[in-house]
Amino acid sequence: MQENNKPVLIYSTFPSPEAAEAVGRELVERRLAACVNILPGMTSIYRWEGTIARDSEVVMIIKTREALAPSVIKAVKSRHTYTNPALVVLPIIDGAADYLSWLLAETLPESD
């Protein structure tokens, strides 16, 4: 498998399930992601502009291929309401071969 063709996960957070679902649906429709998981009910405590903040958020885990990560990040940022959304690309070291093959088959072979 080519180095940039490996499956990856992209972690992001959103202010609501509805916001995450709108972005996630677009990613899957455009084949930038094979699947997204939206996990509601998270509390985030963080420092922003010198102040400690606490917010309710949802997590989105985006399943894609490494070559598409820049396009996924660009697409998420263009639709996100946050000034600086969390977007972290995590490598997948190993997994079920059938699942990883499906993930690659359901995403575009190259970035936009």
PDB file of N, CA and C in Angstrom:
ATOM      1  N   MET A   1       0.846  -1.179   0.000  1.00  0.00           N
ATOM      2  CA  MET A   1       0.000   0.000   0.000  1.00  0.00           C
ATOM      3  C   MET A   1       0.892   1.245   0.000  1.00  0.00           C
ATOM      4  N   GLN A   2       0.566   2.213  -0.848  1.00  0.00           N
ATOM      5  CA  GLN A   2       1.333   3.451  -0.882  1.00  0.00           C
ATOM      6  C   GLN A   2       1.243   4.154   0.467  1.00  0.00           C
ATOM      7  N   GLU A   3       2.304   4.851   0.814  1.00  0.00           N
ATOM      8  CA  GLU A   3       2.385   5.514   2.115  1.00  0.00           C
ATOM      9  C   GLU A   3       1.193   6.449   2.363  1.00  0.00           C
ATOM     10  N   ASN A   4       0.857   7.315   1.385  1.00  0.00           N
ATOM     11  CA  ASN A   4      -0.226   8.283   1.603  1.00  0.00           C
ATOM     12  C   ASN A   4      -1.609   7.695   1.350  1.00  0.00           C
ATOM     13  N   ASN A   5      -1.674   6.400   1.055  1.00  0.00           N
ATOM     14  CA  ASN A   5      -2.935   5.726   0.804  1.00  0.00           C
ATOM     15  C   ASN A   5      -3.421   4.974   2.037  1.00  0.00           C
ATOM     16  N   LYS A   6      -2.710   5.104   3.146  1.00  0.00           N
ATOM     17  CA  LYS A   6      -3.066   4.385   4.370  1.00  0.00           C
ATOM     18  C   LYS A   6      -4.302   5.019   5.023  1.00  0.00           C
ATOM     19  N   PRO A   7      -5.108   4.193   5.679  1.00  0.00           N
ATOM     20  CA  PRO A   7      -6.262   4.741   6.392  1.00  0.00           C
ATOM     21  C   PRO A   7      -5.836   5.541   7.619  1.00  0.00           C
ATOM     22  N   VAL A   8      -6.588   6.603   7.900  1.00  0.00           N
ATOM     23  CA  VAL A   8      -6.356   7.447   9.077  1.00  0.00           C
ATOM     24  C   VAL A   8      -7.696   7.825   9.691  1.00  0.00           C
ATOM     25  N   LEU A   9      -7.636   8.265  10.931  1.00  0.00           N
ATOM     26  CA  LEU A   9      -8.784   8.857  11.610  1.00  0.00           C
ATOM     27  C   LEU A   9      -8.500  10.337  11.791  1.00  0.00           C
ATOM     28  N   ILE A  10      -9.510  11.156  11.631  1.00  0.00           N
ATOM     29  CA  ILE A  10      -9.383  12.587  11.922  1.00  0.00           C
ATOM     30  C   ILE A  10     -10.361  12.897  13.042  1.00  0.00           C
ATOM     31  N   TYR A  11      -9.823  13.427  14.126  1.00  0.00           N
ATOM     32  CA  TYR A  11     -10.602  13.789  15.312  1.00  0.00           C
ATOM     33  C   TYR A  11     -10.980  15.263  15.204  1.00  0.00           C
ATOM     34  N   SER A  12     -12.234  15.568  15.476  1.00  0.00           N
ATOM     35  CA  SER A  12     -12.676  16.958  15.506  1.00  0.00           C
ATOM     36  C   SER A  12     -13.796  17.101  16.539  1.00  0.00           C
ATOM     37  N   THR A  13     -14.083  18.328  16.916  1.00  0.00           N
ATOM     38  CA  THR A  13     -15.192  18.610  17.829  1.00  0.00           C
ATOM     39  C   THR A  13     -16.103  19.654  17.197  1.00  0.00           C
ATOM     40  N   PHE A  14     -17.374  19.606  17.593  1.00  0.00           N
ATOM     41  CA  PHE A  14     -18.391  20.521  17.069  1.00  0.00           C
ATOM     42  C   PHE A  14     -19.275  21.003  18.215  1.00  0.00           C
ATOM     43  N   PRO A  15     -19.965  22.133  18.025  1.00  0.00           N
ATOM     44  CA  PRO A  15     -20.805  22.655  19.097  1.00  0.00           C
ATOM     45  C   PRO A  15     -22.119  21.905  19.288  1.00  0.00           C
ATOM     46  N   SER A  16     -22.551  21.142  18.271  1.00  0.00           N
ATOM     47  CA  SER A  16     -23.833  20.430  18.389  1.00  0.00           C
ATOM     48  C   SER A  16     -23.844  19.216  17.474  1.00  0.00           C
ATOM     49  N   PRO A  17     -24.708  18.245  17.787  1.00  0.00           N
ATOM     50  CA  PRO A  17     -24.844  17.087  16.897  1.00  0.00           C
ATOM     51  C   PRO A  17     -25.287  17.492  15.486  1.00  0.00           C
ATOM     52  N   GLU A  18     -26.154  18.492  15.406  1.00  0.00           N
ATOM     53  CA  GLU A  18     -26.653  18.936  14.107  1.00  0.00           C
ATOM     54  C   GLU A  18     -25.533  19.516  13.237  1.00  0.00           C
ATOM     55  N   ALA A  19     -24.674  20.314  13.850  1.00  0.00           N
ATOM     56  CA  ALA A  19     -23.540  20.889  13.102  1.00  0.00           C
ATOM     57  C   ALA A  19     -22.603  19.790  12.625  1.00  0.00           C
ATOM     58  N   ALA A  20     -22.316  18.831  13.494  1.00  0.00           N
ATOM     59  CA  ALA A  20     -21.432  17.727  13.124  1.00  0.00           C
ATOM     60  C   ALA A  20     -22.066  16.879  12.027  1.00  0.00           C
ATOM     61  N   GLU A  21     -23.359  16.615  12.137  1.00  0.00           N
ATOM     62  CA  GLU A  21     -24.019  15.776  11.141  1.00  0.00           C
ATOM     63  C   GLU A  21     -24.023  16.426   9.767  1.00  0.00           C
ATOM     64  N   ALA A  22     -24.237  17.723   9.696  1.00  0.00           N
ATOM     65  CA  ALA A  22     -24.238  18.417   8.400  1.00  0.00           C
ATOM     66  C   ALA A  22     -22.879  18.286   7.724  1.00  0.00           C
ATOM     67  N   VAL A  23     -21.816  18.505   8.484  1.00  0.00           N
ATOM     68  CA  VAL A  23     -20.467  18.396   7.931  1.00  0.00           C
ATOM     69  C   VAL A  23     -20.145  16.942   7.606  1.00  0.00           C
ATOM     70  N   GLY A  24     -20.476  16.031   8.504  1.00  0.00           N
ATOM     71  CA  GLY A  24     -20.190  14.620   8.288  1.00  0.00           C
ATOM     72  C   GLY A  24     -20.883  14.059   7.067  1.00  0.00           C
ATOM     73  N   ARG A  25     -22.141  14.415   6.877  1.00  0.00           N
ATOM     74  CA  ARG A  25     -22.880  13.941   5.706  1.00  0.00           C
ATOM     75  C   ARG A  25     -22.205  14.414   4.423  1.00  0.00           C
ATOM     76  N   GLU A  26     -21.780  15.668   4.406  1.00  0.00           N
ATOM     77  CA  GLU A  26     -21.102  16.202   3.220  1.00  0.00           C
ATOM     78  C   GLU A  26     -19.798  15.444   2.936  1.00  0.00           C
ATOM     79  N   LEU A  27     -19.036  15.142   3.976  1.00  0.00           N
ATOM     80  CA  LEU A  27     -17.785  14.413   3.786  1.00  0.00           C
ATOM     81  C   LEU A  27     -18.026  13.044   3.173  1.00  0.00           C
ATOM     82  N   VAL A  28     -19.051  12.352   3.647  1.00  0.00           N
ATOM     83  CA  VAL A  28     -19.361  11.016   3.119  1.00  0.00           C
ATOM     84  C   VAL A  28     -19.924  11.130   1.700  1.00  0.00           C
ATOM     85  N   GLU A  29     -20.808  12.088   1.459  1.00  0.00           N
ATOM     86  CA  GLU A  29     -21.369  12.272   0.118  1.00  0.00           C
ATOM     87  C   GLU A  29     -20.277  12.559  -0.907  1.00  0.00           C
ATOM     88  N   ARG A  30     -19.286  13.365  -0.525  1.00  0.00           N
ATOM     89  CA  ARG A  30     -18.190  13.716  -1.435  1.00  0.00           C
ATOM     90  C   ARG A  30     -17.101  12.644  -1.489  1.00  0.00           C
ATOM     91  N   ARG A  31     -17.277  11.551  -0.738  1.00  0.00           N
ATOM     92  CA  ARG A  31     -16.327  10.436  -0.653  1.00  0.00           C
ATOM     93  C   ARG A  31     -14.975  10.879  -0.089  1.00  0.00           C
ATOM     94  N   LEU A  32     -14.996  11.937   0.712  1.00  0.00           N
ATOM     95  CA  LEU A  32     -13.797  12.339   1.448  1.00  0.00           C
ATOM     96  C   LEU A  32     -13.643  11.485   2.696  1.00  0.00           C
ATOM     97  N   ALA A  33     -14.731  10.862   3.118  1.00  0.00           N
ATOM     98  CA  ALA A  33     -14.728   9.962   4.275  1.00  0.00           C
ATOM     99  C   ALA A  33     -15.587   8.752   3.957  1.00  0.00           C
ATOM    100  N   ALA A  34     -15.157   7.593   4.440  1.00  0.00           N
ATOM    101  CA  ALA A  34     -15.973   6.391   4.298  1.00  0.00           C
ATOM    102  C   ALA A  34     -17.095   6.402   5.324  1.00  0.00           C
ATOM    103  N   CYS A  35     -16.813   7.003   6.483  1.00  0.00           N
ATOM    104  CA  CYS A  35     -17.749   6.984   7.602  1.00  0.00           C
ATOM    105  C   CYS A  35     -17.350   8.082   8.575  1.00  0.00           C
ATOM    106  N   VAL A  36     -18.320   8.627   9.282  1.00  0.00           N
ATOM    107  CA  VAL A  36     -18.034   9.506  10.416  1.00  0.00           C
ATOM    108  C   VAL A  36     -18.817   8.991  11.609  1.00  0.00           C
ATOM    109  N   ASN A  37     -18.227   9.084  12.773  1.00  0.00           N
ATOM    110  CA  ASN A  37     -18.923   8.765  14.018  1.00  0.00           C
ATOM    111  C   ASN A  37     -19.105  10.062  14.783  1.00  0.00           C
ATOM    112  N   ILE A  38     -20.320  10.304  15.240  1.00  0.00           N
ATOM    113  CA  ILE A  38     -20.634  11.508  16.007  1.00  0.00           C
ATOM    114  C   ILE A  38     -21.018  11.072  17.408  1.00  0.00           C
ATOM    115  N   LEU A  39     -20.241  11.527  18.383  1.00  0.00           N
ATOM    116  CA  LEU A  39     -20.428  11.131  19.779  1.00  0.00           C
ATOM    117  C   LEU A  39     -20.865  12.347  20.589  1.00  0.00           C
ATOM    118  N   PRO A  40     -22.138  12.430  20.965  1.00  0.00           N
ATOM    119  CA  PRO A  40     -22.628  13.586  21.726  1.00  0.00           C
ATOM    120  C   PRO A  40     -22.279  13.494  23.209  1.00  0.00           C
ATOM    121  N   GLY A  41     -22.488  14.602  23.896  1.00  0.00           N
ATOM    122  CA  GLY A  41     -22.419  14.588  25.349  1.00  0.00           C
ATOM    123  C   GLY A  41     -21.044  14.770  25.962  1.00  0.00           C
ATOM    124  N   MET A  42     -20.152  15.457  25.292  1.00  0.00           N
ATOM    125  CA  MET A  42     -18.813  15.674  25.825  1.00  0.00           C
ATOM    126  C   MET A  42     -18.742  17.067  26.466  1.00  0.00           C
ATOM    127  N   THR A  43     -18.037  17.163  27.568  1.00  0.00           N
ATOM    128  CA  THR A  43     -17.751  18.454  28.186  1.00  0.00           C
ATOM    129  C   THR A  43     -16.288  18.779  27.938  1.00  0.00           C
ATOM    130  N   SER A  44     -16.046  19.961  27.396  1.00  0.00           N
ATOM    131  CA  SER A  44     -14.674  20.409  27.134  1.00  0.00           C
ATOM    132  C   SER A  44     -14.325  21.557  28.070  1.00  0.00           C
ATOM    133  N   ILE A  45     -13.155  21.457  28.662  1.00  0.00           N
ATOM    134  CA  ILE A  45     -12.616  22.537  29.490  1.00  0.00           C
ATOM    135  C   ILE A  45     -11.281  22.902  28.862  1.00  0.00           C
ATOM    136  N   TYR A  46     -11.128  24.162  28.498  1.00  0.00           N
ATOM    137  CA  TYR A  46      -9.949  24.577  27.748  1.00  0.00           C
ATOM    138  C   TYR A  46      -9.648  26.056  27.991  1.00  0.00           C
ATOM    139  N   ARG A  47      -8.447  26.440  27.643  1.00  0.00           N
ATOM    140  CA  ARG A  47      -8.060  27.844  27.727  1.00  0.00           C
ATOM    141  C   ARG A  47      -8.206  28.458  26.343  1.00  0.00           C
ATOM    142  N   TRP A  48      -8.937  29.574  26.252  1.00  0.00           N
ATOM    143  CA  TRP A  48      -9.128  30.261  24.984  1.00  0.00           C
ATOM    144  C   TRP A  48      -9.045  31.757  25.222  1.00  0.00           C
ATOM    145  N   GLU A  49      -8.120  32.392  24.544  1.00  0.00           N
ATOM    146  CA  GLU A  49      -7.912  33.838  24.647  1.00  0.00           C
ATOM    147  C   GLU A  49      -7.740  34.270  26.101  1.00  0.00           C
ATOM    148  N   GLY A  50      -6.936  33.492  26.841  1.00  0.00           N
ATOM    149  CA  GLY A  50      -6.573  33.849  28.204  1.00  0.00           C
ATOM    150  C   GLY A  50      -7.579  33.500  29.277  1.00  0.00           C
ATOM    151  N   THR A  51      -8.677  32.865  28.915  1.00  0.00           N
ATOM    152  CA  THR A  51      -9.727  32.539  29.873  1.00  0.00           C
ATOM    153  C   THR A  51     -10.000  31.040  29.828  1.00  0.00           C
ATOM    154  N   ILE A  52     -10.303  30.477  31.010  1.00  0.00           N
ATOM    155  CA  ILE A  52     -10.711  29.079  31.067  1.00  0.00           C
ATOM    156  C   ILE A  52     -12.181  29.013  30.664  1.00  0.00           C
ATOM    157  N   ALA A  53     -12.482  28.162  29.684  1.00  0.00           N
ATOM    158  CA  ALA A  53     -13.849  28.016  29.179  1.00  0.00           C
ATOM    159  C   ALA A  53     -14.330  26.583  29.406  1.00  0.00           C
ATOM    160  N   ARG A  54     -15.643  26.430  29.487  1.00  0.00           N
ATOM    161  CA  ARG A  54     -16.275  25.114  29.613  1.00  0.00           C
ATOM    162  C   ARG A  54     -17.464  25.103  28.674  1.00  0.00           C
ATOM    163  N   ASP A  55     -17.502  24.108  27.790  1.00  0.00           N
ATOM    164  CA  ASP A  55     -18.589  24.005  26.818  1.00  0.00           C
ATOM    165  C   ASP A  55     -19.004  22.560  26.629  1.00  0.00           C
ATOM    166  N   SER A  56     -20.248  22.381  26.231  1.00  0.00           N
ATOM    167  CA  SER A  56     -20.717  21.079  25.769  1.00  0.00           C
ATOM    168  C   SER A  56     -20.397  20.977  24.290  1.00  0.00           C
ATOM    169  N   GLU A  57     -19.842  19.844  23.894  1.00  0.00           N
ATOM    170  CA  GLU A  57     -19.484  19.633  22.498  1.00  0.00           C
ATOM    171  C   GLU A  57     -19.810  18.201  22.099  1.00  0.00           C
ATOM    172  N   VAL A  58     -19.648  17.924  20.823  1.00  0.00           N
ATOM    173  CA  VAL A  58     -19.717  16.562  20.314  1.00  0.00           C
ATOM    174  C   VAL A  58     -18.402  16.266  19.611  1.00  0.00           C
ATOM    175  N   VAL A  59     -18.006  15.007  19.631  1.00  0.00           N
ATOM    176  CA  VAL A  59     -16.800  14.553  18.952  1.00  0.00           C
ATOM    177  C   VAL A  59     -17.209  13.957  17.612  1.00  0.00           C
ATOM    178  N   MET A  60     -16.419  14.238  16.592  1.00  0.00           N
ATOM    179  CA  MET A  60     -16.578  13.546  15.316  1.00  0.00           C
ATOM    180  C   MET A  60     -15.276  12.827  15.013  1.00  0.00           C
ATOM    181  N   ILE A  61     -15.390  11.547  14.695  1.00  0.00           N
ATOM    182  CA  ILE A  61     -14.252  10.761  14.238  1.00  0.00           C
ATOM    183  C   ILE A  61     -14.494  10.482  12.757  1.00  0.00           C
ATOM    184  N   ILE A  62     -13.589  10.961  11.936  1.00  0.00           N
ATOM    185  CA  ILE A  62     -13.711  10.864  10.481  1.00  0.00           C
ATOM    186  C   ILE A  62     -12.771   9.764  10.002  1.00  0.00           C
ATOM    187  N   LYS A  63     -13.312   8.792   9.271  1.00  0.00           N
ATOM    188  CA  LYS A  63     -12.515   7.669   8.774  1.00  0.00           C
ATOM    189  C   LYS A  63     -12.236   7.896   7.296  1.00  0.00           C
ATOM    190  N   THR A  64     -10.951   8.050   6.957  1.00  0.00           N
ATOM    191  CA  THR A  64     -10.568   8.390   5.600  1.00  0.00           C
ATOM    192  C   THR A  64      -9.192   7.830   5.291  1.00  0.00           C
ATOM    193  N   ARG A  65      -8.596   8.284   4.208  1.00  0.00           N
ATOM    194  CA  ARG A  65      -7.243   7.875   3.846  1.00  0.00           C
ATOM    195  C   ARG A  65      -6.313   9.080   3.962  1.00  0.00           C
ATOM    196  N   GLU A  66      -5.049   8.815   4.226  1.00  0.00           N
ATOM    197  CA  GLU A  66      -4.076   9.871   4.476  1.00  0.00           C
ATOM    198  C   GLU A  66      -4.016  10.897   3.345  1.00  0.00           C
ATOM    199  N   ALA A  67      -4.094  10.455   2.106  1.00  0.00           N
ATOM    200  CA  ALA A  67      -4.020  11.378   0.971  1.00  0.00           C
ATOM    201  C   ALA A  67      -5.166  12.389   0.963  1.00  0.00           C
ATOM    202  N   LEU A  68      -6.292  12.031   1.579  1.00  0.00           N
ATOM    203  CA  LEU A  68      -7.461  12.919   1.614  1.00  0.00           C
ATOM    204  C   LEU A  68      -7.488  13.833   2.831  1.00  0.00           C
ATOM    205  N   ALA A  69      -6.605  13.614   3.786  1.00  0.00           N
ATOM    206  CA  ALA A  69      -6.636  14.398   5.031  1.00  0.00           C
ATOM    207  C   ALA A  69      -6.613  15.907   4.782  1.00  0.00           C
ATOM    208  N   PRO A  70      -5.742  16.439   3.920  1.00  0.00           N
ATOM    209  CA  PRO A  70      -5.769  17.888   3.686  1.00  0.00           C
ATOM    210  C   PRO A  70      -7.120  18.370   3.133  1.00  0.00           C
ATOM    211  N   SER A  71      -7.740  17.595   2.246  1.00  0.00           N
ATOM    212  CA  SER A  71      -9.044  17.977   1.697  1.00  0.00           C
ATOM    213  C   SER A  71     -10.138  17.905   2.755  1.00  0.00           C
ATOM    214  N   VAL A  72     -10.058  16.895   3.623  1.00  0.00           N
ATOM    215  CA  VAL A  72     -11.034  16.783   4.716  1.00  0.00           C
ATOM    216  C   VAL A  72     -10.898  17.985   5.650  1.00  0.00           C
ATOM    217  N   ILE A  73      -9.689  18.305   6.034  1.00  0.00           N
ATOM    218  CA  ILE A  73      -9.463  19.440   6.939  1.00  0.00           C
ATOM    219  C   ILE A  73      -9.979  20.734   6.309  1.00  0.00           C
ATOM    220  N   LYS A  74      -9.691  20.939   5.039  1.00  0.00           N
ATOM    221  CA  LYS A  74     -10.171  22.140   4.343  1.00  0.00           C
ATOM    222  C   LYS A  74     -11.697  22.187   4.322  1.00  0.00           C
ATOM    223  N   ALA A  75     -12.337  21.057   4.016  1.00  0.00           N
ATOM    224  CA  ALA A  75     -13.801  21.004   3.961  1.00  0.00           C
ATOM    225  C   ALA A  75     -14.424  21.264   5.333  1.00  0.00           C
ATOM    226  N   VAL A  76     -13.859  20.668   6.379  1.00  0.00           N
ATOM    227  CA  VAL A  76     -14.390  20.876   7.725  1.00  0.00           C
ATOM    228  C   VAL A  76     -14.222  22.342   8.132  1.00  0.00           C
ATOM    229  N   LYS A  77     -13.043  22.898   7.924  1.00  0.00           N
ATOM    230  CA  LYS A  77     -12.816  24.299   8.309  1.00  0.00           C
ATOM    231  C   LYS A  77     -13.743  25.261   7.575  1.00  0.00           C
ATOM    232  N   SER A  78     -14.063  24.968   6.316  1.00  0.00           N
ATOM    233  CA  SER A  78     -14.923  25.865   5.538  1.00  0.00           C
ATOM    234  C   SER A  78     -16.359  25.875   6.047  1.00  0.00           C
ATOM    235  N   ARG A  79     -16.801  24.814   6.735  1.00  0.00           N
ATOM    236  CA  ARG A  79     -18.167  24.712   7.232  1.00  0.00           C
ATOM    237  C   ARG A  79     -18.279  24.882   8.745  1.00  0.00           C
ATOM    238  N   HIS A  80     -17.145  24.967   9.429  1.00  0.00           N
ATOM    239  CA  HIS A  80     -17.144  24.964  10.894  1.00  0.00           C
ATOM    240  C   HIS A  80     -17.441  26.350  11.446  1.00  0.00           C
ATOM    241  N   THR A  81     -18.132  26.386  12.582  1.00  0.00           N
ATOM    242  CA  THR A  81     -18.447  27.669  13.220  1.00  0.00           C
ATOM    243  C   THR A  81     -17.323  28.161  14.127  1.00  0.00           C
ATOM    244  N   TYR A  82     -16.404  27.275  14.512  1.00  0.00           N
ATOM    245  CA  TYR A  82     -15.308  27.677  15.389  1.00  0.00           C
ATOM    246  C   TYR A  82     -14.225  28.409  14.598  1.00  0.00           C
ATOM    247  N   THR A  83     -13.582  29.365  15.247  1.00  0.00           N
ATOM    248  CA  THR A  83     -12.446  30.066  14.658  1.00  0.00           C
ATOM    249  C   THR A  83     -11.270  29.125  14.450  1.00  0.00           C
ATOM    250  N   ASN A  84     -11.051  28.233  15.414  1.00  0.00           N
ATOM    251  CA  ASN A  84      -9.904  27.326  15.384  1.00  0.00           C
ATOM    252  C   ASN A  84     -10.367  25.922  15.783  1.00  0.00           C
ATOM    253  N   PRO A  85     -11.042  25.213  14.859  1.00  0.00           N
ATOM    254  CA  PRO A  85     -11.577  23.896  15.229  1.00  0.00           C
ATOM    255  C   PRO A  85     -10.473  22.870  15.463  1.00  0.00           C
ATOM    256  N   ALA A  86     -10.740  21.956  16.375  1.00  0.00           N
ATOM    257  CA  ALA A  86      -9.831  20.833  16.610  1.00  0.00           C
ATOM    258  C   ALA A  86      -9.870  19.929  15.385  1.00  0.00           C
ATOM    259  N   LEU A  87      -8.726  19.706  14.789  1.00  0.00           N
ATOM    260  CA  LEU A  87      -8.589  18.794  13.650  1.00  0.00           C
ATOM    261  C   LEU A  87      -7.243  18.117  13.781  1.00  0.00           C
ATOM    262  N   VAL A  88      -7.266  16.836  14.152  1.00  0.00           N
ATOM    263  CA  VAL A  88      -6.039  16.090  14.403  1.00  0.00           C
ATOM    264  C   VAL A  88      -6.102  14.790  13.600  1.00  0.00           C
ATOM    265  N   VAL A  89      -5.070  14.526  12.809  1.00  0.00           N
ATOM    266  CA  VAL A  89      -5.002  13.309  12.009  1.00  0.00           C
ATOM    267  C   VAL A  89      -4.248  12.247  12.810  1.00  0.00           C
ATOM    268  N   LEU A  90      -4.880  11.086  12.970  1.00  0.00           N
ATOM    269  CA  LEU A  90      -4.310   9.985  13.742  1.00  0.00           C
ATOM    270  C   LEU A  90      -4.089   8.780  12.838  1.00  0.00           C
ATOM    271  N   PRO A  91      -2.891   8.223  12.841  1.00  0.00           N
ATOM    272  CA  PRO A  91      -2.649   7.051  11.995  1.00  0.00           C
ATOM    273  C   PRO A  91      -3.368   5.825  12.534  1.00  0.00           C
ATOM    274  N   ILE A  92      -3.756   4.947  11.634  1.00  0.00           N
ATOM    275  CA  ILE A  92      -4.274   3.641  12.008  1.00  0.00           C
ATOM    276  C   ILE A  92      -3.115   2.671  11.816  1.00  0.00           C
ATOM    277  N   ILE A  93      -2.671   2.083  12.886  1.00  0.00           N
ATOM    278  CA  ILE A  93      -1.523   1.185  12.847  1.00  0.00           C
ATOM    279  C   ILE A  93      -1.900  -0.163  12.240  1.00  0.00           C
ATOM    280  N   ASP A  94      -3.072  -0.670  12.610  1.00  0.00           N
ATOM    281  CA  ASP A  94      -3.504  -1.967  12.128  1.00  0.00           C
ATOM    282  C   ASP A  94      -4.997  -2.083  12.356  1.00  0.00           C
ATOM    283  N   GLY A  95      -5.601  -3.094  11.799  1.00  0.00           N
ATOM    284  CA  GLY A  95      -7.024  -3.323  11.982  1.00  0.00           C
ATOM    285  C   GLY A  95      -7.463  -4.504  11.150  1.00  0.00           C
ATOM    286  N   ALA A  96      -8.751  -4.769  11.169  1.00  0.00           N
ATOM    287  CA  ALA A  96      -9.317  -5.862  10.384  1.00  0.00           C
ATOM    288  C   ALA A  96      -9.141  -5.539   8.904  1.00  0.00           C
ATOM    289  N   ALA A  97      -8.497  -6.433   8.168  1.00  0.00           N
ATOM    290  CA  ALA A  97      -8.181  -6.205   6.755  1.00  0.00           C
ATOM    291  C   ALA A  97      -9.426  -5.895   5.931  1.00  0.00           C
ATOM    292  N   ASP A  98     -10.524  -6.627   6.173  1.00  0.00           N
ATOM    293  CA  ASP A  98     -11.756  -6.398   5.417  1.00  0.00           C
ATOM    294  C   ASP A  98     -12.298  -4.988   5.665  1.00  0.00           C
ATOM    295  N   TYR A  99     -12.254  -4.551   6.931  1.00  0.00           N
ATOM    296  CA  TYR A  99     -12.757  -3.224   7.262  1.00  0.00           C
ATOM    297  C   TYR A  99     -11.890  -2.144   6.619  1.00  0.00           C
ATOM    298  N   LEU A 100     -10.581  -2.277   6.726  1.00  0.00           N
ATOM    299  CA  LEU A 100      -9.692  -1.269   6.160  1.00  0.00           C
ATOM    300  C   LEU A 100      -9.799  -1.222   4.641  1.00  0.00           C
ATOM    301  N   SER A 101     -10.015  -2.348   4.001  1.00  0.00           N
ATOM    302  CA  SER A 101     -10.229  -2.382   2.549  1.00  0.00           C
ATOM    303  C   SER A 101     -11.516  -1.648   2.188  1.00  0.00           C
ATOM    304  N   TRP A 102     -12.562  -1.875   2.991  1.00  0.00           N
ATOM    305  CA  TRP A 102     -13.829  -1.155   2.769  1.00  0.00           C
ATOM    306  C   TRP A 102     -13.623   0.342   2.896  1.00  0.00           C
ATOM    307  N   LEU A 103     -12.917   0.769   3.944  1.00  0.00           N
ATOM    308  CA  LEU A 103     -12.660   2.191   4.163  1.00  0.00           C
ATOM    309  C   LEU A 103     -11.990   2.806   2.937  1.00  0.00           C
ATOM    310  N   LEU A 104     -10.996   2.155   2.404  1.00  0.00           N
ATOM    311  CA  LEU A 104     -10.282   2.678   1.237  1.00  0.00           C
ATOM    312  C   LEU A 104     -11.181   2.661  -0.008  1.00  0.00           C
ATOM    313  N   ALA A 105     -11.993   1.625  -0.155  1.00  0.00           N
ATOM    314  CA  ALA A 105     -12.874   1.520  -1.329  1.00  0.00           C
ATOM    315  C   ALA A 105     -13.944   2.591  -1.330  1.00  0.00           C
ATOM    316  N   GLU A 106     -14.354   3.063  -0.170  1.00  0.00           N
ATOM    317  CA  GLU A 106     -15.440   4.047  -0.072  1.00  0.00           C
ATOM    318  C   GLU A 106     -14.968   5.489  -0.093  1.00  0.00           C
ATOM    319  N   THR A 107     -13.681   5.709  -0.248  1.00  0.00           N
ATOM    320  CA  THR A 107     -13.142   7.069  -0.328  1.00  0.00           C
ATOM    321  C   THR A 107     -12.496   7.270  -1.694  1.00  0.00           C
ATOM    322  N   LEU A 108     -12.371   8.526  -2.065  1.00  0.00           N
ATOM    323  CA  LEU A 108     -11.727   8.869  -3.325  1.00  0.00           C
ATOM    324  C   LEU A 108     -10.292   8.377  -3.319  1.00  0.00           C
ATOM    325  N   PRO A 109      -9.761   7.948  -4.465  1.00  0.00           N
ATOM    326  CA  PRO A 109      -8.385   7.466  -4.492  1.00  0.00           C
ATOM    327  C   PRO A 109      -7.325   8.563  -4.322  1.00  0.00           C
ATOM    328  N   GLU A 110      -7.690   9.820  -4.589  1.00  0.00           N
ATOM    329  CA  GLU A 110      -6.710  10.910  -4.488  1.00  0.00           C
ATOM    330  C   GLU A 110      -7.383  12.132  -3.869  1.00  0.00           C
ATOM    331  N   SER A 111      -6.558  13.054  -3.390  1.00  0.00           N
ATOM    332  CA  SER A 111      -7.099  14.292  -2.832  1.00  0.00           C
ATOM    333  C   SER A 111      -7.590  15.178  -3.959  1.00  0.00           C
ATOM    334  N   ASP A 112      -8.499  16.142  -3.605  1.00  0.00           N
ATOM    335  CA  ASP A 112      -9.069  17.084  -4.583  1.00  0.00           C
ATOM    336  C   ASP A 112      -8.005  17.829  -5.333  1.00  0.00           C
TER     337      ASP A 112
END
